[in-house]
Amino acid sequence: MEIILQNLNTKKLINIIINRYAAVEKTLVGEAIANQYDYQFIDSRLFYQYVGYYYNDYSINQIKQIFTKEKILELINSVKYLNKEQYQESEIRAAQILTNDELYNIINEMIRKIVKNKGFVIVSHDITTLCLPDTEVKIILSADVKTHVVQCIFQPNSQDYTNIFNNILE
């Protein structure tokens, strides 16, 4: 915490990552830190949801073109304005994208490009080790098992309870 305060108080820009599973309030904490220090906030999950919802045919060239747009963060954040049914569909498709290594790598590369000039708070499930291992500040949040189980069960399309419990036990 001392490193964060030193850098933020001297106005030296850094990136801050907040990591862990669902139901630990990463977004709430990340947005609070970003607002407090006037940093930009990125929820990496929205990249996957955007691609999953709008480009479900997984056209790699289309996705690469979208990621060259100047206002990419505005496009990505548009996922927040989908109705409940559309949002759930984007969640399901986002989970499918994670199995496509090429798309996964394209999205991670885009996130790296966006945050290279520092001044971002990024939240994700696994962004620390896979996408931004050299980030200056890494915050790992946790939740009790009961909270995590409830969150996983109420995820869209979560009917494979054996898989859910195995993931929780990891």
N, C-alpha and C. Protein backbone atom coordinates (compact mmCIF):
# COMPACT_ATOMS: atom_id res chain seq x y z
N MET A 1 0.83 -1.18 0.00
CA MET A 1 0.00 0.00 0.00
C MET A 1 0.87 1.25 0.00
N GLU A 2 2.02 1.18 0.64
CA GLU A 2 2.92 2.34 0.69
C GLU A 2 3.40 2.73 -0.71
N ILE A 3 3.70 1.72 -1.56
CA ILE A 3 4.14 2.00 -2.93
C ILE A 3 3.04 2.72 -3.70
N ILE A 4 1.81 2.28 -3.53
CA ILE A 4 0.69 2.92 -4.22
C ILE A 4 0.64 4.39 -3.83
N LEU A 5 0.64 4.65 -2.54
CA LEU A 5 0.51 6.03 -2.06
C LEU A 5 1.68 6.89 -2.50
N GLN A 6 2.90 6.35 -2.46
CA GLN A 6 4.08 7.11 -2.90
C GLN A 6 3.92 7.54 -4.35
N ASN A 7 3.59 6.59 -5.22
CA ASN A 7 3.46 6.89 -6.64
C ASN A 7 2.28 7.82 -6.91
N LEU A 8 1.17 7.58 -6.27
CA LEU A 8 0.00 8.40 -6.52
C LEU A 8 0.18 9.82 -5.98
N ASN A 9 0.87 9.95 -4.86
CA ASN A 9 1.09 11.28 -4.29
C ASN A 9 2.11 12.09 -5.09
N THR A 10 3.03 11.43 -5.78
CA THR A 10 4.02 12.15 -6.59
C THR A 10 3.54 12.34 -8.01
N LYS A 11 2.35 11.86 -8.30
CA LYS A 11 1.73 11.96 -9.63
C LYS A 11 2.43 11.11 -10.68
N LYS A 12 3.31 10.21 -10.25
CA LYS A 12 3.91 9.27 -11.19
C LYS A 12 2.84 8.23 -11.53
N LEU A 13 2.51 8.11 -12.80
CA LEU A 13 1.47 7.18 -13.21
C LEU A 13 1.94 5.74 -13.12
N ILE A 14 1.08 4.90 -12.61
CA ILE A 14 1.31 3.47 -12.54
C ILE A 14 0.03 2.78 -12.99
N ASN A 15 0.10 1.48 -13.14
CA ASN A 15 -1.10 0.68 -13.35
C ASN A 15 -1.35 -0.14 -12.10
N ILE A 16 -2.61 -0.35 -11.81
CA ILE A 16 -3.02 -1.14 -10.65
C ILE A 16 -3.95 -2.24 -11.15
N ILE A 17 -3.66 -3.46 -10.76
CA ILE A 17 -4.50 -4.60 -11.14
C ILE A 17 -5.20 -5.12 -9.90
N ILE A 18 -6.47 -5.44 -10.08
CA ILE A 18 -7.22 -6.10 -9.02
C ILE A 18 -7.71 -7.42 -9.59
N ASN A 19 -7.34 -8.48 -8.93
CA ASN A 19 -7.54 -9.83 -9.44
C ASN A 19 -8.38 -10.68 -8.50
N ARG A 20 -9.02 -11.66 -9.02
CA ARG A 20 -9.60 -12.79 -8.33
C ARG A 20 -10.90 -13.20 -8.96
N TYR A 21 -11.59 -14.10 -8.30
CA TYR A 21 -12.80 -14.69 -8.83
C TYR A 21 -14.01 -13.77 -8.66
N ALA A 22 -15.13 -14.23 -9.17
CA ALA A 22 -16.39 -13.49 -9.04
C ALA A 22 -16.78 -13.36 -7.57
N ALA A 23 -17.59 -12.37 -7.30
CA ALA A 23 -18.19 -12.14 -5.97
C ALA A 23 -17.22 -11.60 -4.94
N VAL A 24 -16.14 -10.99 -5.36
CA VAL A 24 -15.23 -10.37 -4.38
C VAL A 24 -15.24 -8.85 -4.49
N GLU A 25 -16.13 -8.32 -5.33
CA GLU A 25 -16.31 -6.87 -5.49
C GLU A 25 -15.11 -6.18 -6.12
N LYS A 26 -14.47 -6.84 -7.10
CA LYS A 26 -13.34 -6.24 -7.82
C LYS A 26 -13.75 -4.92 -8.47
N THR A 27 -14.89 -4.93 -9.13
CA THR A 27 -15.34 -3.74 -9.85
C THR A 27 -15.57 -2.59 -8.88
N LEU A 28 -16.23 -2.85 -7.78
CA LEU A 28 -16.51 -1.81 -6.79
C LEU A 28 -15.21 -1.20 -6.26
N VAL A 29 -14.26 -2.05 -5.89
CA VAL A 29 -12.98 -1.57 -5.37
C VAL A 29 -12.20 -0.84 -6.47
N GLY A 30 -12.16 -1.43 -7.66
CA GLY A 30 -11.42 -0.82 -8.77
C GLY A 30 -11.94 0.54 -9.16
N GLU A 31 -13.26 0.66 -9.27
CA GLU A 31 -13.84 1.95 -9.61
C GLU A 31 -13.58 2.99 -8.53
N ALA A 32 -13.61 2.57 -7.27
CA ALA A 32 -13.34 3.50 -6.17
C ALA A 32 -11.90 4.03 -6.23
N ILE A 33 -10.94 3.13 -6.47
CA ILE A 33 -9.54 3.55 -6.57
C ILE A 33 -9.35 4.47 -7.78
N ALA A 34 -9.93 4.08 -8.92
CA ALA A 34 -9.80 4.90 -10.13
C ALA A 34 -10.39 6.30 -9.91
N ASN A 35 -11.54 6.37 -9.30
CA ASN A 35 -12.16 7.68 -9.03
C ASN A 35 -11.34 8.50 -8.04
N GLN A 36 -10.83 7.86 -7.02
CA GLN A 36 -10.05 8.56 -5.99
C GLN A 36 -8.81 9.23 -6.58
N TYR A 37 -8.14 8.54 -7.52
CA TYR A 37 -6.87 9.04 -8.04
C TYR A 37 -6.96 9.51 -9.49
N ASP A 38 -8.17 9.63 -10.01
CA ASP A 38 -8.39 10.12 -11.36
C ASP A 38 -7.69 9.23 -12.41
N TYR A 39 -7.79 7.93 -12.22
CA TYR A 39 -7.27 6.95 -13.16
C TYR A 39 -8.42 6.45 -14.02
N GLN A 40 -8.11 5.82 -15.15
CA GLN A 40 -9.13 5.19 -15.97
C GLN A 40 -9.37 3.78 -15.46
N PHE A 41 -10.60 3.34 -15.54
CA PHE A 41 -10.98 2.02 -15.05
C PHE A 41 -11.28 1.09 -16.23
N ILE A 42 -10.75 -0.13 -16.17
CA ILE A 42 -11.03 -1.14 -17.19
C ILE A 42 -11.43 -2.44 -16.50
N ASP A 43 -12.58 -2.95 -16.91
CA ASP A 43 -13.00 -4.29 -16.49
C ASP A 43 -12.74 -5.18 -17.70
N SER A 44 -11.69 -6.00 -17.62
CA SER A 44 -11.29 -6.78 -18.80
C SER A 44 -12.38 -7.75 -19.26
N ARG A 45 -13.26 -8.15 -18.37
CA ARG A 45 -14.35 -9.05 -18.73
C ARG A 45 -15.22 -8.44 -19.84
N LEU A 46 -15.35 -7.11 -19.83
CA LEU A 46 -16.19 -6.46 -20.84
C LEU A 46 -15.63 -6.62 -22.25
N PHE A 47 -14.31 -6.75 -22.39
CA PHE A 47 -13.72 -6.99 -23.71
C PHE A 47 -14.25 -8.31 -24.27
N TYR A 48 -14.23 -9.34 -23.43
CA TYR A 48 -14.69 -10.66 -23.86
C TYR A 48 -16.20 -10.64 -24.15
N GLN A 49 -16.96 -9.93 -23.31
CA GLN A 49 -18.40 -9.85 -23.53
C GLN A 49 -18.72 -9.09 -24.81
N TYR A 50 -18.00 -8.02 -25.07
CA TYR A 50 -18.23 -7.24 -26.28
C TYR A 50 -17.99 -8.10 -27.52
N VAL A 51 -16.84 -8.74 -27.56
CA VAL A 51 -16.50 -9.59 -28.70
C VAL A 51 -17.50 -10.73 -28.82
N GLY A 52 -17.83 -11.33 -27.70
CA GLY A 52 -18.77 -12.44 -27.72
C GLY A 52 -20.15 -12.05 -28.20
N TYR A 53 -20.61 -10.89 -27.81
CA TYR A 53 -21.97 -10.48 -28.17
C TYR A 53 -22.06 -9.96 -29.61
N TYR A 54 -21.14 -9.09 -29.97
CA TYR A 54 -21.25 -8.44 -31.28
C TYR A 54 -20.55 -9.20 -32.40
N TYR A 55 -19.63 -10.06 -32.07
CA TYR A 55 -18.87 -10.78 -33.10
C TYR A 55 -18.86 -12.26 -32.79
N ASN A 56 -20.04 -12.83 -32.59
CA ASN A 56 -20.10 -14.22 -32.18
C ASN A 56 -19.68 -15.20 -33.26
N ASP A 57 -19.44 -14.71 -34.47
CA ASP A 57 -18.91 -15.60 -35.51
C ASP A 57 -17.39 -15.72 -35.39
N TYR A 58 -16.82 -14.95 -34.46
CA TYR A 58 -15.38 -14.98 -34.17
C TYR A 58 -14.51 -14.68 -35.38
N SER A 59 -14.94 -13.73 -36.20
CA SER A 59 -14.14 -13.30 -37.32
C SER A 59 -12.93 -12.52 -36.78
N ILE A 60 -11.80 -13.15 -36.83
CA ILE A 60 -10.57 -12.57 -36.26
C ILE A 60 -10.28 -11.21 -36.90
N ASN A 61 -10.42 -11.10 -38.21
CA ASN A 61 -10.13 -9.82 -38.87
C ASN A 61 -11.07 -8.71 -38.43
N GLN A 62 -12.36 -9.03 -38.25
CA GLN A 62 -13.31 -8.03 -37.76
C GLN A 62 -12.91 -7.55 -36.37
N ILE A 63 -12.55 -8.48 -35.53
CA ILE A 63 -12.19 -8.13 -34.15
C ILE A 63 -10.93 -7.28 -34.13
N LYS A 64 -9.95 -7.64 -34.94
CA LYS A 64 -8.73 -6.82 -35.00
C LYS A 64 -9.05 -5.41 -35.46
N GLN A 65 -9.96 -5.26 -36.42
CA GLN A 65 -10.32 -3.93 -36.90
C GLN A 65 -11.03 -3.11 -35.82
N ILE A 66 -11.92 -3.75 -35.10
CA ILE A 66 -12.62 -3.04 -34.01
C ILE A 66 -11.61 -2.54 -32.99
N PHE A 67 -10.59 -3.34 -32.71
CA PHE A 67 -9.61 -2.97 -31.70
C PHE A 67 -8.64 -1.89 -32.16
N THR A 68 -8.74 -1.45 -33.42
CA THR A 68 -7.92 -0.34 -33.87
C THR A 68 -8.64 1.00 -33.72
N LYS A 69 -9.90 0.96 -33.34
CA LYS A 69 -10.69 2.18 -33.19
C LYS A 69 -10.14 3.03 -32.04
N GLU A 70 -10.18 4.34 -32.22
CA GLU A 70 -9.68 5.25 -31.20
C GLU A 70 -10.47 5.17 -29.91
N LYS A 71 -11.74 5.01 -30.00
CA LYS A 71 -12.59 5.03 -28.82
C LYS A 71 -12.96 3.62 -28.39
N ILE A 72 -11.99 2.74 -28.37
CA ILE A 72 -12.25 1.33 -28.08
C ILE A 72 -12.86 1.14 -26.69
N LEU A 73 -12.43 1.91 -25.69
CA LEU A 73 -12.98 1.74 -24.35
C LEU A 73 -14.47 2.11 -24.31
N GLU A 74 -14.87 3.11 -25.08
CA GLU A 74 -16.30 3.45 -25.15
C GLU A 74 -17.09 2.31 -25.79
N LEU A 75 -16.53 1.71 -26.83
CA LEU A 75 -17.20 0.58 -27.47
C LEU A 75 -17.34 -0.58 -26.49
N ILE A 76 -16.25 -0.90 -25.81
CA ILE A 76 -16.25 -2.03 -24.88
C ILE A 76 -17.26 -1.78 -23.76
N ASN A 77 -17.28 -0.57 -23.23
CA ASN A 77 -18.19 -0.26 -22.13
C ASN A 77 -19.66 -0.24 -22.54
N SER A 78 -19.92 -0.26 -23.85
CA SER A 78 -21.31 -0.28 -24.31
C SER A 78 -22.02 -1.56 -23.87
N VAL A 79 -21.27 -2.60 -23.55
CA VAL A 79 -21.86 -3.85 -23.08
C VAL A 79 -22.70 -3.61 -21.82
N LYS A 80 -22.31 -2.63 -21.02
CA LYS A 80 -23.04 -2.34 -19.79
C LYS A 80 -24.48 -1.93 -20.05
N TYR A 81 -24.79 -1.50 -21.27
CA TYR A 81 -26.11 -0.99 -21.59
C TYR A 81 -27.00 -2.01 -22.29
N LEU A 82 -26.55 -3.24 -22.39
CA LEU A 82 -27.39 -4.29 -22.95
C LEU A 82 -28.52 -4.59 -21.96
N ASN A 83 -29.66 -5.07 -22.47
CA ASN A 83 -30.70 -5.47 -21.53
C ASN A 83 -30.28 -6.78 -20.86
N LYS A 84 -31.04 -7.23 -19.87
CA LYS A 84 -30.64 -8.38 -19.06
C LYS A 84 -30.41 -9.63 -19.90
N GLU A 85 -31.30 -9.90 -20.83
CA GLU A 85 -31.17 -11.09 -21.68
C GLU A 85 -29.92 -11.00 -22.56
N GLN A 86 -29.71 -9.85 -23.16
CA GLN A 86 -28.53 -9.65 -24.01
C GLN A 86 -27.25 -9.76 -23.19
N TYR A 87 -27.27 -9.19 -21.99
CA TYR A 87 -26.09 -9.22 -21.13
C TYR A 87 -25.74 -10.67 -20.74
N GLN A 88 -26.77 -11.46 -20.41
CA GLN A 88 -26.52 -12.85 -20.07
C GLN A 88 -25.96 -13.61 -21.27
N GLU A 89 -26.49 -13.31 -22.45
CA GLU A 89 -25.96 -13.94 -23.67
C GLU A 89 -24.50 -13.56 -23.88
N SER A 90 -24.16 -12.31 -23.61
CA SER A 90 -22.76 -11.88 -23.78
C SER A 90 -21.86 -12.60 -22.78
N GLU A 91 -22.35 -12.88 -21.58
CA GLU A 91 -21.58 -13.62 -20.58
C GLU A 91 -21.29 -15.04 -21.06
N ILE A 92 -22.31 -15.69 -21.61
CA ILE A 92 -22.14 -17.06 -22.11
C ILE A 92 -21.13 -17.10 -23.25
N ARG A 93 -21.27 -16.16 -24.18
CA ARG A 93 -20.34 -16.12 -25.32
C ARG A 93 -18.93 -15.74 -24.87
N ALA A 94 -18.83 -14.90 -23.86
CA ALA A 94 -17.50 -14.54 -23.33
C ALA A 94 -16.79 -15.78 -22.80
N ALA A 95 -17.52 -16.64 -22.12
CA ALA A 95 -16.93 -17.87 -21.60
C ALA A 95 -16.42 -18.75 -22.75
N GLN A 96 -17.13 -18.74 -23.87
CA GLN A 96 -16.70 -19.53 -25.03
C GLN A 96 -15.42 -18.96 -25.64
N ILE A 97 -15.29 -17.64 -25.62
CA ILE A 97 -14.09 -17.00 -26.18
C ILE A 97 -12.84 -17.44 -25.45
N LEU A 98 -12.97 -17.65 -24.16
CA LEU A 98 -11.80 -18.04 -23.36
C LEU A 98 -11.19 -19.35 -23.84
N THR A 99 -11.94 -20.14 -24.58
CA THR A 99 -11.40 -21.39 -25.10
C THR A 99 -10.73 -21.21 -26.45
N ASN A 100 -10.83 -20.02 -27.02
CA ASN A 100 -10.21 -19.72 -28.31
C ASN A 100 -8.92 -18.95 -28.05
N ASP A 101 -7.79 -19.64 -28.12
CA ASP A 101 -6.51 -19.03 -27.77
C ASP A 101 -6.19 -17.79 -28.60
N GLU A 102 -6.52 -17.83 -29.89
CA GLU A 102 -6.20 -16.68 -30.75
C GLU A 102 -6.98 -15.43 -30.30
N LEU A 103 -8.27 -15.58 -30.06
CA LEU A 103 -9.07 -14.44 -29.58
C LEU A 103 -8.60 -13.97 -28.21
N TYR A 104 -8.33 -14.91 -27.35
CA TYR A 104 -7.85 -14.60 -26.00
C TYR A 104 -6.57 -13.76 -26.08
N ASN A 105 -5.65 -14.15 -26.94
CA ASN A 105 -4.39 -13.42 -27.11
C ASN A 105 -4.60 -12.04 -27.73
N ILE A 106 -5.52 -11.93 -28.68
CA ILE A 106 -5.81 -10.63 -29.31
C ILE A 106 -6.36 -9.66 -28.26
N ILE A 107 -7.27 -10.14 -27.44
CA ILE A 107 -7.86 -9.28 -26.41
C ILE A 107 -6.80 -8.86 -25.39
N ASN A 108 -5.98 -9.79 -24.95
CA ASN A 108 -4.93 -9.44 -23.98
C ASN A 108 -3.93 -8.45 -24.57
N GLU A 109 -3.60 -8.61 -25.84
CA GLU A 109 -2.68 -7.68 -26.49
C GLU A 109 -3.29 -6.28 -26.56
N MET A 110 -4.58 -6.20 -26.84
CA MET A 110 -5.25 -4.91 -26.88
C MET A 110 -5.22 -4.24 -25.51
N ILE A 111 -5.47 -5.01 -24.48
CA ILE A 111 -5.43 -4.45 -23.12
C ILE A 111 -4.02 -3.93 -22.82
N ARG A 112 -3.00 -4.70 -23.19
CA ARG A 112 -1.60 -4.24 -22.98
C ARG A 112 -1.33 -2.93 -23.68
N LYS A 113 -1.81 -2.79 -24.93
CA LYS A 113 -1.61 -1.55 -25.69
C LYS A 113 -2.31 -0.37 -25.03
N ILE A 114 -3.52 -0.59 -24.58
CA ILE A 114 -4.30 0.49 -23.98
C ILE A 114 -3.63 1.01 -22.71
N VAL A 115 -3.10 0.12 -21.88
CA VAL A 115 -2.59 0.54 -20.57
C VAL A 115 -1.09 0.85 -20.56
N LYS A 116 -0.44 0.81 -21.70
CA LYS A 116 1.02 0.98 -21.73
C LYS A 116 1.49 2.33 -21.20
N ASN A 117 0.67 3.37 -21.32
CA ASN A 117 1.07 4.69 -20.84
C ASN A 117 0.71 4.94 -19.38
N LYS A 118 0.22 3.92 -18.71
CA LYS A 118 -0.08 3.95 -17.27
C LYS A 118 -1.31 4.79 -16.94
N GLY A 119 -1.69 4.76 -15.68
CA GLY A 119 -2.84 5.51 -15.22
C GLY A 119 -4.14 4.74 -15.30
N PHE A 120 -4.07 3.41 -15.15
CA PHE A 120 -5.24 2.56 -15.25
C PHE A 120 -5.40 1.68 -14.03
N VAL A 121 -6.65 1.41 -13.68
CA VAL A 121 -6.99 0.36 -12.73
C VAL A 121 -7.72 -0.70 -13.54
N ILE A 122 -7.18 -1.91 -13.53
CA ILE A 122 -7.71 -2.99 -14.36
C ILE A 122 -8.18 -4.11 -13.45
N VAL A 123 -9.40 -4.57 -13.65
CA VAL A 123 -9.89 -5.71 -12.87
C VAL A 123 -10.09 -6.89 -13.80
N SER A 124 -9.83 -8.09 -13.25
CA SER A 124 -9.96 -9.30 -14.04
C SER A 124 -9.88 -10.52 -13.15
N HIS A 125 -10.17 -11.64 -13.77
CA HIS A 125 -10.05 -12.93 -13.09
C HIS A 125 -8.59 -13.39 -13.06
N ASP A 126 -7.86 -13.19 -14.14
CA ASP A 126 -6.50 -13.74 -14.22
C ASP A 126 -5.50 -12.82 -14.94
N ILE A 127 -5.78 -11.56 -14.98
CA ILE A 127 -4.97 -10.65 -15.78
C ILE A 127 -3.54 -10.45 -15.25
N THR A 128 -3.33 -10.66 -13.99
CA THR A 128 -2.01 -10.40 -13.41
C THR A 128 -0.92 -11.24 -14.05
N THR A 129 -1.09 -12.52 -14.06
CA THR A 129 -0.02 -13.39 -14.53
C THR A 129 0.00 -13.54 -16.04
N LEU A 130 -1.15 -13.48 -16.68
CA LEU A 130 -1.21 -13.80 -18.10
C LEU A 130 -1.08 -12.59 -19.02
N CYS A 131 -1.59 -11.47 -18.62
CA CYS A 131 -1.64 -10.33 -19.53
C CYS A 131 -0.69 -9.21 -19.11
N LEU A 132 -0.66 -8.90 -17.84
CA LEU A 132 0.13 -7.75 -17.36
C LEU A 132 1.00 -8.15 -16.16
N PRO A 133 1.93 -9.06 -16.38
CA PRO A 133 2.73 -9.55 -15.23
C PRO A 133 3.64 -8.50 -14.61
N ASP A 134 3.98 -7.44 -15.34
CA ASP A 134 4.92 -6.44 -14.83
C ASP A 134 4.23 -5.21 -14.21
N THR A 135 2.95 -5.29 -13.98
CA THR A 135 2.22 -4.16 -13.39
C THR A 135 2.78 -3.86 -12.01
N GLU A 136 2.86 -2.57 -11.71
CA GLU A 136 3.49 -2.12 -10.47
C GLU A 136 2.75 -2.56 -9.21
N VAL A 137 1.42 -2.50 -9.23
CA VAL A 137 0.65 -2.83 -8.04
C VAL A 137 -0.38 -3.89 -8.38
N LYS A 138 -0.36 -4.98 -7.62
CA LYS A 138 -1.29 -6.08 -7.82
C LYS A 138 -2.04 -6.31 -6.51
N ILE A 139 -3.35 -6.23 -6.60
CA ILE A 139 -4.20 -6.44 -5.43
C ILE A 139 -5.01 -7.70 -5.69
N ILE A 140 -4.93 -8.65 -4.77
CA ILE A 140 -5.68 -9.90 -4.89
C ILE A 140 -6.77 -9.89 -3.83
N LEU A 141 -8.02 -9.96 -4.26
CA LEU A 141 -9.15 -9.96 -3.33
C LEU A 141 -9.65 -11.39 -3.14
N SER A 142 -10.33 -11.62 -2.04
CA SER A 142 -10.88 -12.95 -1.79
C SER A 142 -12.30 -12.83 -1.22
N ALA A 143 -13.01 -13.94 -1.28
CA ALA A 143 -14.35 -14.03 -0.69
C ALA A 143 -14.45 -15.35 0.03
N ASP A 144 -15.34 -15.43 1.00
CA ASP A 144 -15.51 -16.71 1.68
C ASP A 144 -16.15 -17.72 0.72
N VAL A 145 -16.03 -18.98 1.05
CA VAL A 145 -16.48 -20.05 0.16
C VAL A 145 -17.97 -19.94 -0.12
N LYS A 146 -18.78 -19.64 0.89
CA LYS A 146 -20.22 -19.54 0.69
C LYS A 146 -20.56 -18.48 -0.36
N THR A 147 -19.96 -17.33 -0.26
CA THR A 147 -20.21 -16.26 -1.22
C THR A 147 -19.81 -16.69 -2.61
N HIS A 148 -18.66 -17.34 -2.71
CA HIS A 148 -18.17 -17.77 -4.02
C HIS A 148 -19.10 -18.83 -4.63
N VAL A 149 -19.56 -19.77 -3.83
CA VAL A 149 -20.47 -20.82 -4.33
C VAL A 149 -21.76 -20.20 -4.85
N VAL A 150 -22.34 -19.30 -4.06
CA VAL A 150 -23.60 -18.66 -4.48
C VAL A 150 -23.41 -17.90 -5.78
N GLN A 151 -22.31 -17.15 -5.89
CA GLN A 151 -22.06 -16.39 -7.11
C GLN A 151 -21.92 -17.31 -8.32
N CYS A 152 -21.18 -18.40 -8.17
CA CYS A 152 -20.96 -19.32 -9.29
C CYS A 152 -22.24 -20.01 -9.72
N ILE A 153 -23.09 -20.37 -8.78
CA ILE A 153 -24.32 -21.06 -9.11
C ILE A 153 -25.25 -20.15 -9.90
N PHE A 154 -25.23 -18.86 -9.60
CA PHE A 154 -26.13 -17.95 -10.30
C PHE A 154 -25.53 -17.33 -11.55
N GLN A 155 -24.36 -17.81 -11.98
CA GLN A 155 -23.80 -17.37 -13.25
C GLN A 155 -24.68 -17.91 -14.37
N PRO A 156 -24.74 -17.19 -15.50
CA PRO A 156 -25.55 -17.69 -16.63
C PRO A 156 -25.07 -19.07 -17.08
N ASN A 157 -26.02 -19.93 -17.37
CA ASN A 157 -25.72 -21.24 -17.93
C ASN A 157 -24.94 -22.13 -16.96
N SER A 158 -25.12 -21.95 -15.66
CA SER A 158 -24.36 -22.73 -14.70
C SER A 158 -25.19 -23.90 -14.19
N GLN A 159 -25.14 -25.00 -14.90
CA GLN A 159 -25.88 -26.18 -14.49
C GLN A 159 -24.94 -27.35 -14.22
N ASP A 160 -23.67 -27.19 -14.52
CA ASP A 160 -22.69 -28.23 -14.25
C ASP A 160 -22.11 -28.00 -12.85
N TYR A 161 -22.86 -28.44 -11.84
CA TYR A 161 -22.48 -28.15 -10.46
C TYR A 161 -21.18 -28.83 -10.04
N THR A 162 -20.89 -29.99 -10.60
CA THR A 162 -19.61 -30.64 -10.30
C THR A 162 -18.46 -29.76 -10.74
N ASN A 163 -18.55 -29.21 -11.93
CA ASN A 163 -17.51 -28.32 -12.45
C ASN A 163 -17.40 -27.06 -11.60
N ILE A 164 -18.54 -26.51 -11.19
CA ILE A 164 -18.54 -25.32 -10.35
C ILE A 164 -17.77 -25.60 -9.05
N PHE A 165 -18.10 -26.69 -8.39
CA PHE A 165 -17.45 -27.00 -7.11
C PHE A 165 -15.97 -27.32 -7.29
N ASN A 166 -15.62 -27.98 -8.39
CA ASN A 166 -14.20 -28.24 -8.65
C ASN A 166 -13.43 -26.95 -8.86
N ASN A 167 -14.03 -25.97 -9.57
CA ASN A 167 -13.38 -24.68 -9.78
C ASN A 167 -13.20 -23.93 -8.47
N ILE A 168 -14.17 -24.02 -7.60
CA ILE A 168 -14.08 -23.35 -6.31
C ILE A 168 -12.97 -23.95 -5.45
N LEU A 169 -12.80 -25.25 -5.55
CA LEU A 169 -11.79 -25.93 -4.73
C LEU A 169 -10.36 -25.70 -5.22
N GLU A 170 -10.20 -25.17 -6.43
CA GLU A 170 -8.86 -24.93 -6.97
C GLU A 170 -8.06 -24.00 -6.10
